PDB file of N, CA and C in Angstrom:
ATOM      1  N   UNK A   1       0.784  -1.410  -0.198  1.00  0.00           N
ATOM      2  CA  UNK A   1       0.041   0.098   0.003  1.00  0.00           C
ATOM      3  C   UNK A   1       0.862   1.111   0.297  1.00  0.00           C
ATOM      4  N   UNK A   2       0.732   2.140  -0.903  1.00  0.00           N
ATOM      5  CA  UNK A   2       1.665   3.537  -1.150  1.00  0.00           C
ATOM      6  C   UNK A   2       0.719   4.446  -0.457  1.00  0.00           C
ATOM      7  N   UNK A   3       1.352   5.352   0.467  1.00  0.00           N
ATOM      8  CA  UNK A   3       0.645   6.303   1.180  1.00  0.00           C
ATOM      9  C   UNK A   3       1.080   7.609   0.687  1.00  0.00           C
ATOM     10  N   UNK A   4       0.281   8.780   0.369  1.00  0.00           N
ATOM     11  CA  UNK A   4       1.008   9.901  -0.344  1.00  0.00           C
ATOM     12  C   UNK A   4       0.423  10.685   0.914  1.00  0.00           C
ATOM     13  N   UNK A   5       1.556  11.070   1.551  1.00  0.00           N
ATOM     14  CA  UNK A   5       1.698  12.060   2.792  1.00  0.00           C
ATOM     15  C   UNK A   5       1.393  13.531   2.230  1.00  0.00           C
ATOM     16  N   UNK A   6       1.255  13.919   0.991  1.00  0.00           N
ATOM     17  CA  UNK A   6       0.866  15.258   0.688  1.00  0.00           C
ATOM     18  C   UNK A   6      -0.623  15.450   0.705  1.00  0.00           C
ATOM     19  N   UNK A   7      -1.318  14.089   0.724  1.00  0.00           N
ATOM     20  CA  UNK A   7      -2.847  14.079   0.606  1.00  0.00           C
ATOM     21  C   UNK A   7      -3.223  14.150   2.220  1.00  0.00           C
ATOM     22  N   UNK A   8      -2.559  13.932   3.273  1.00  0.00           N
ATOM     23  CA  UNK A   8      -2.998  13.777   4.527  1.00  0.00           C
ATOM     24  C   UNK A   8      -3.953  14.905   4.663  1.00  0.00           C
ATOM     25  N   UNK A   9      -5.219  14.458   5.379  1.00  0.00           N
ATOM     26  CA  UNK A   9      -6.281  14.963   5.989  1.00  0.00           C
ATOM     27  C   UNK A   9      -7.200  15.669   4.759  1.00  0.00           C
ATOM     28  N   UNK A  10      -7.010  15.521   3.545  1.00  0.00           N
ATOM     29  CA  UNK A  10      -7.948  15.499   2.535  1.00  0.00           C
ATOM     30  C   UNK A  10      -9.136  14.443   2.439  1.00  0.00           C
ATOM     31  N   UNK A  11     -10.034  14.836   2.103  1.00  0.00           N
ATOM     32  CA  UNK A  11     -11.397  13.899   2.199  1.00  0.00           C
ATOM     33  C   UNK A  11     -11.197  12.986   0.952  1.00  0.00           C
ATOM     34  N   UNK A  12     -11.507  11.509   0.882  1.00  0.00           N
ATOM     35  CA  UNK A  12     -11.398  11.019  -0.070  1.00  0.00           C
ATOM     36  C   UNK A  12     -13.175  10.560  -0.718  1.00  0.00           C
ATOM     37  N   UNK A  13     -13.194  10.396  -1.805  1.00  0.00           N
ATOM     38  CA  UNK A  13     -14.559  10.006  -2.526  1.00  0.00           C
ATOM     39  C   UNK A  13     -15.098   8.854  -1.525  1.00  0.00           C
ATOM     40  N   UNK A  14     -16.883   9.280  -1.576  1.00  0.00           N
ATOM     41  CA  UNK A  14     -17.148   8.501  -0.792  1.00  0.00           C
ATOM     42  C   UNK A  14     -16.776   7.003  -0.982  1.00  0.00           C
ATOM     43  N   UNK A  15     -16.712   6.596  -2.118  1.00  0.00           N
ATOM     44  CA  UNK A  15     -16.522   4.999  -2.489  1.00  0.00           C
ATOM     45  C   UNK A  15     -15.327   4.372  -1.930  1.00  0.00           C
ATOM     46  N   UNK A  16     -14.287   5.425  -1.546  1.00  0.00           N
ATOM     47  CA  UNK A  16     -12.857   4.758  -0.989  1.00  0.00           C
ATOM     48  C   UNK A  16     -13.247   3.769   0.392  1.00  0.00           C
ATOM     49  N   UNK A  17     -12.184   2.900  -0.249  1.00  0.00           N
ATOM     50  CA  UNK A  17     -12.112   2.267   1.295  1.00  0.00           C
ATOM     51  C   UNK A  17     -11.225   2.472   2.374  1.00  0.00           C
ATOM     52  N   UNK A  18     -11.590   2.033   3.655  1.00  0.00           N
ATOM     53  CA  UNK A  18     -10.525   2.378   4.479  1.00  0.00           C
ATOM     54  C   UNK A  18      -9.189   1.949   4.461  1.00  0.00           C
ATOM     55  N   UNK A  19      -9.038   0.607   3.699  1.00  0.00           N
ATOM     56  CA  UNK A  19      -7.634   0.464   3.710  1.00  0.00           C
ATOM     57  C   UNK A  19      -6.610   1.620   2.886  1.00  0.00           C
ATOM     58  N   UNK A  20      -7.203   2.178   1.875  1.00  0.00           N
ATOM     59  CA  UNK A  20      -6.578   2.953   0.973  1.00  0.00           C
ATOM     60  C   UNK A  20      -6.482   4.253   1.371  1.00  0.00           C
ATOM     61  N   UNK A  21      -7.119   4.694   2.067  1.00  0.00           N
ATOM     62  CA  UNK A  21      -7.447   5.997   2.785  1.00  0.00           C
ATOM     63  C   UNK A  21      -5.652   6.752   3.435  1.00  0.00           C
ATOM     64  N   UNK A  22      -5.190   7.699   2.909  1.00  0.00           N
ATOM     65  CA  UNK A  22      -4.065   8.192   3.252  1.00  0.00           C
ATOM     66  C   UNK A  22      -3.977   9.178   4.227  1.00  0.00           C
ATOM     67  N   UNK A  23      -5.537   9.626   4.653  1.00  0.00           N
ATOM     68  CA  UNK A  23      -5.588  10.414   5.564  1.00  0.00           C
ATOM     69  C   UNK A  23      -5.510  10.062   7.123  1.00  0.00           C
ATOM     70  N   UNK A  24      -4.865   9.050   7.264  1.00  0.00           N
ATOM     71  CA  UNK A  24      -4.948   8.592   8.353  1.00  0.00           C
ATOM     72  C   UNK A  24      -3.740   9.226   9.331  1.00  0.00           C
ATOM     73  N   UNK A  25      -3.892   9.739  10.544  1.00  0.00           N
ATOM     74  CA  UNK A  25      -3.028  10.870  11.477  1.00  0.00           C
ATOM     75  C   UNK A  25      -1.695   9.852  11.774  1.00  0.00           C
ATOM     76  N   UNK A  26      -1.842   8.322  11.894  1.00  0.00           N
ATOM     77  CA  UNK A  26      -1.144   7.665  12.427  1.00  0.00           C
ATOM     78  C   UNK A  26       0.103   7.531  11.093  1.00  0.00           C
ATOM     79  N   UNK A  27      -0.868   6.761  10.136  1.00  0.00           N
ATOM     80  CA  UNK A  27       0.360   6.536   9.074  1.00  0.00           C
ATOM     81  C   UNK A  27       1.009   7.678   8.325  1.00  0.00           C
ATOM     82  N   UNK A  28       0.366   9.043   8.536  1.00  0.00           N
ATOM     83  CA  UNK A  28       0.949  10.153   7.839  1.00  0.00           C
ATOM     84  C   UNK A  28       2.280  10.573   9.076  1.00  0.00           C
ATOM     85  N   UNK A  29       2.035  10.305  10.026  1.00  0.00           N
ATOM     86  CA  UNK A  29       3.211  10.509  11.263  1.00  0.00           C
ATOM     87  C   UNK A  29       4.126   9.666  11.255  1.00  0.00           C
ATOM     88  N   UNK A  30       4.044   8.226  10.677  1.00  0.00           N
ATOM     89  CA  UNK A  30       5.216   7.152  10.749  1.00  0.00           C
ATOM     90  C   UNK A  30       6.120   8.083   9.477  1.00  0.00           C
ATOM     91  N   UNK A  31       5.345   8.198   8.409  1.00  0.00           N
ATOM     92  CA  UNK A  31       5.966   9.173   6.988  1.00  0.00           C
ATOM     93  C   UNK A  31       6.855   9.820   7.426  1.00  0.00           C
ATOM     94  N   UNK A  32       6.396  11.628   8.081  1.00  0.00           N
ATOM     95  CA  UNK A  32       6.691  12.364   8.450  1.00  0.00           C
ATOM     96  C   UNK A  32       7.852  11.973   9.735  1.00  0.00           C
ATOM     97  N   UNK A  33       7.864  11.011  10.539  1.00  0.00           N
ATOM     98  CA  UNK A  33       8.791  10.704  11.593  1.00  0.00           C
ATOM     99  C   UNK A  33      10.088  10.424  10.701  1.00  0.00           C
ATOM    100  N   UNK A  34       9.917   9.650   9.858  1.00  0.00           N
ATOM    101  CA  UNK A  34      11.304   9.026   8.919  1.00  0.00           C
ATOM    102  C   UNK A  34      12.102  10.047   8.145  1.00  0.00           C
ATOM    103  N   UNK A  35      11.319  11.225   7.516  1.00  0.00           N
ATOM    104  CA  UNK A  35      11.916  12.357   6.999  1.00  0.00           C
ATOM    105  C   UNK A  35      12.525  13.173   7.952  1.00  0.00           C
ATOM    106  N   UNK A  36      11.707  13.272   9.030  1.00  0.00           N
ATOM    107  CA  UNK A  36      12.211  14.746   9.880  1.00  0.00           C
ATOM    108  C   UNK A  36      13.621  13.867  10.861  1.00  0.00           C
ATOM    109  N   UNK A  37      13.484  12.326  10.949  1.00  0.00           N
ATOM    110  CA  UNK A  37      14.467  11.891  11.405  1.00  0.00           C
ATOM    111  C   UNK A  37      15.921  11.982  10.737  1.00  0.00           C
ATOM    112  N   UNK A  38      15.663  11.959   9.172  1.00  0.00           N
ATOM    113  CA  UNK A  38      16.605  11.719   8.355  1.00  0.00           C
ATOM    114  C   UNK A  38      17.490  13.087   8.221  1.00  0.00           C
ATOM    115  N   UNK A  39      16.398  14.233   8.298  1.00  0.00           N
ATOM    116  CA  UNK A  39      17.182  15.875   8.447  1.00  0.00           C
ATOM    117  C   UNK A  39      17.471  16.319   9.703  1.00  0.00           C
ATOM    118  N   UNK A  40      17.022  15.236  10.615  1.00  0.00           N
ATOM    119  CA  UNK A  40      17.762  15.915  12.430  1.00  0.00           C
ATOM    120  C   UNK A  40      16.863  16.866  12.491  1.00  0.00           C
ATOM    121  N   UNK A  41      15.462  17.055  12.159  1.00  0.00           N
ATOM    122  CA  UNK A  41      14.379  18.163  12.751  1.00  0.00           C
ATOM    123  C   UNK A  41      13.872  17.185  13.858  1.00  0.00           C
ATOM    124  N   UNK A  42      14.446  17.669  15.210  1.00  0.00           N
ATOM    125  CA  UNK A  42      14.318  17.162  16.397  1.00  0.00           C
ATOM    126  C   UNK A  42      12.955  17.342  16.905  1.00  0.00           C
ATOM    127  N   UNK A  43      12.601  18.455  16.773  1.00  0.00           N
ATOM    128  CA  UNK A  43      11.457  19.058  17.167  1.00  0.00           C
ATOM    129  C   UNK A  43      10.064  18.362  16.264  1.00  0.00           C
ATOM    130  N   UNK A  44      10.460  18.105  15.057  1.00  0.00           N
ATOM    131  CA  UNK A  44       9.089  17.429  14.266  1.00  0.00           C
ATOM    132  C   UNK A  44       9.072  15.845  15.175  1.00  0.00           C
ATOM    133  N   UNK A  45      10.009  15.439  15.426  1.00  0.00           N
ATOM    134  CA  UNK A  45      10.427  13.794  15.537  1.00  0.00           C
ATOM    135  C   UNK A  45       9.529  14.019  16.556  1.00  0.00           C
ATOM    136  N   UNK A  46       9.609  14.800  17.499  1.00  0.00           N
ATOM    137  CA  UNK A  46       8.706  14.998  18.750  1.00  0.00           C
ATOM    138  C   UNK A  46       7.365  14.973  18.536  1.00  0.00           C
ATOM    139  N   UNK A  47       7.056  15.750  17.950  1.00  0.00           N
ATOM    140  CA  UNK A  47       5.887  15.887  17.487  1.00  0.00           C
ATOM    141  C   UNK A  47       4.809  14.576  16.660  1.00  0.00           C
ATOM    142  N   UNK A  48       5.922  13.995  15.852  1.00  0.00           N
ATOM    143  CA  UNK A  48       5.431  12.905  15.607  1.00  0.00           C
ATOM    144  C   UNK A  48       5.250  11.889  16.619  1.00  0.00           C
ATOM    145  N   UNK A  49       6.160  11.615  17.467  1.00  0.00           N
ATOM    146  CA  UNK A  49       5.949  10.781  18.318  1.00  0.00           C
ATOM    147  C   UNK A  49       4.957  10.980  19.433  1.00  0.00           C
ATOM    148  N   UNK A  50       4.506  11.963  19.449  1.00  0.00           N
ATOM    149  CA  UNK A  50       3.461  12.262  20.521  1.00  0.00           C
ATOM    150  C   UNK A  50       1.912  12.025  19.712  1.00  0.00           C
ATOM    151  N   UNK A  51       1.852  11.946  18.307  1.00  0.00           N
ATOM    152  CA  UNK A  51       0.898  11.576  17.249  1.00  0.00           C
ATOM    153  C   UNK A  51       0.749  10.157  17.193  1.00  0.00           C
ATOM    154  N   UNK A  52       1.800   9.340  17.202  1.00  0.00           N
ATOM    155  CA  UNK A  52       1.723   7.851  17.120  1.00  0.00           C
ATOM    156  C   UNK A  52       1.615   7.334  18.319  1.00  0.00           C
ATOM    157  N   UNK A  53       2.006   7.886  19.602  1.00  0.00           N
ATOM    158  CA  UNK A  53       2.175   7.609  20.895  1.00  0.00           C
ATOM    159  C   UNK A  53       0.201   7.639  21.106  1.00  0.00           C
ATOM    160  N   UNK A  54      -0.288   8.766  20.997  1.00  0.00           N
ATOM    161  CA  UNK A  54      -1.848   9.230  20.830  1.00  0.00           C
ATOM    162  C   UNK A  54      -2.678   7.881  19.903  1.00  0.00           C
ATOM    163  N   UNK A  55      -2.286   7.918  18.759  1.00  0.00           N
ATOM    164  CA  UNK A  55      -2.746   6.919  18.242  1.00  0.00           C
ATOM    165  C   UNK A  55      -2.923   5.287  18.789  1.00  0.00           C
ATOM    166  N   UNK A  56      -1.619   4.776  19.153  1.00  0.00           N
ATOM    167  CA  UNK A  56      -1.323   3.600  19.742  1.00  0.00           C
ATOM    168  C   UNK A  56      -2.439   3.316  20.930  1.00  0.00           C
ATOM    169  N   UNK A  57      -2.403   4.651  21.691  1.00  0.00           N
ATOM    170  CA  UNK A  57      -3.016   4.114  22.826  1.00  0.00           C
ATOM    171  C   UNK A  57      -4.384   4.624  22.802  1.00  0.00           C
ATOM    172  N   UNK A  58      -5.213   4.738  21.562  1.00  0.00           N
ATOM    173  CA  UNK A  58      -6.640   5.041  21.268  1.00  0.00           C
ATOM    174  C   UNK A  58      -7.040   6.556  21.781  1.00  0.00           C
ATOM    175  N   UNK A  59      -6.331   7.688  21.897  1.00  0.00           N
ATOM    176  CA  UNK A  59      -6.330   8.847  22.284  1.00  0.00           C
ATOM    177  C   UNK A  59      -6.657  10.001  20.972  1.00  0.00           C
ATOM    178  N   UNK A  60      -6.881  10.924  21.205  1.00  0.00           N
ATOM    179  CA  UNK A  60      -6.691  12.003  20.093  1.00  0.00           C
ATOM    180  C   UNK A  60      -5.868  12.889  20.294  1.00  0.00           C
ATOM    181  N   UNK A  61      -5.012  12.885  19.051  1.00  0.00           N
ATOM    182  CA  UNK A  61      -3.664  13.644  18.936  1.00  0.00           C
ATOM    183  C   UNK A  61      -4.003  14.998  19.156  1.00  0.00           C
ATOM    184  N   UNK A  62      -2.993  16.158  19.598  1.00  0.00           N
ATOM    185  CA  UNK A  62      -3.574  17.793  19.785  1.00  0.00           C
ATOM    186  C   UNK A  62      -3.648  18.175  18.253  1.00  0.00           C
ATOM    187  N   UNK A  63      -4.655  18.791  18.091  1.00  0.00           N
ATOM    188  CA  UNK A  63      -4.845  19.602  16.840  1.00  0.00           C
ATOM    189  C   UNK A  63      -3.664  20.260  16.190  1.00  0.00           C
ATOM    190  N   UNK A  64      -2.742  20.696  17.344  1.00  0.00           N
ATOM    191  CA  UNK A  64      -1.518  21.532  16.721  1.00  0.00           C
ATOM    192  C   UNK A  64      -0.419  20.616  16.131  1.00  0.00           C
ATOM    193  N   UNK A  65      -0.430  19.434  16.787  1.00  0.00           N
ATOM    194  CA  UNK A  65       0.654  18.143  16.181  1.00  0.00           C
ATOM    195  C   UNK A  65      -0.143  17.741  15.011  1.00  0.00           C
ATOM    196  N   UNK A  66      -1.287  17.508  14.762  1.00  0.00           N
ATOM    197  CA  UNK A  66      -1.889  17.045  13.580  1.00  0.00           C
ATOM    198  C   UNK A  66      -1.560  17.978  12.659  1.00  0.00           C
ATOM    199  N   UNK A  67      -1.553  19.164  12.579  1.00  0.00           N
ATOM    200  CA  UNK A  67      -1.238  20.503  11.785  1.00  0.00           C
ATOM    201  C   UNK A  67       0.556  20.163  11.359  1.00  0.00           C
ATOM    202  N   UNK A  68       1.164  19.972  12.070  1.00  0.00           N
ATOM    203  CA  UNK A  68       2.804  19.850  11.904  1.00  0.00           C
ATOM    204  C   UNK A  68       2.549  18.934  10.986  1.00  0.00           C
ATOM    205  N   UNK A  69       1.840  17.690  11.165  1.00  0.00           N
ATOM    206  CA  UNK A  69       2.237  16.475  10.497  1.00  0.00           C
ATOM    207  C   UNK A  69       1.240  16.604   9.039  1.00  0.00           C
ATOM    208  N   UNK A  70       0.425  17.486   9.013  1.00  0.00           N
ATOM    209  CA  UNK A  70      -0.277  17.502   7.639  1.00  0.00           C
ATOM    210  C   UNK A  70       0.312  18.261   6.959  1.00  0.00           C
ATOM    211  N   UNK A  71       0.957  19.662   7.479  1.00  0.00           N
ATOM    212  CA  UNK A  71       1.929  20.320   6.830  1.00  0.00           C
ATOM    213  C   UNK A  71       3.148  20.117   6.381  1.00  0.00           C
ATOM    214  N   UNK A  72       4.090  19.078   6.707  1.00  0.00           N
ATOM    215  CA  UNK A  72       5.282  18.987   7.080  1.00  0.00           C
ATOM    216  C   UNK A  72       5.785  18.935   5.494  1.00  0.00           C
ATOM    217  N   UNK A  73       5.244  18.321   4.238  1.00  0.00           N
ATOM    218  CA  UNK A  73       5.805  18.443   3.257  1.00  0.00           C
ATOM    219  C   UNK A  73       5.376  19.499   2.259  1.00  0.00           C
ATOM    220  N   UNK A  74       4.870  20.621   2.484  1.00  0.00           N
ATOM    221  CA  UNK A  74       4.132  21.352   1.660  1.00  0.00           C
ATOM    222  C   UNK A  74       5.321  22.696   1.648  1.00  0.00           C
TER     223      UNK A  74
END
């Protein structure tokens, strides 16, 4: 499954299946985490870790953190 981080947060057509939706915050956070880690962007790495932690523990991630993730590649 290929995930396009640039489309994070965008709505999919009504017929799109959940398995192919690129707007899952947890999936996007992993992609951004890898890029931020490669670039040495430790502030964004911490944001990604918070989003991943929230997602894995069934909590809602902070809106600010989700914004950082969604705008990272723009």
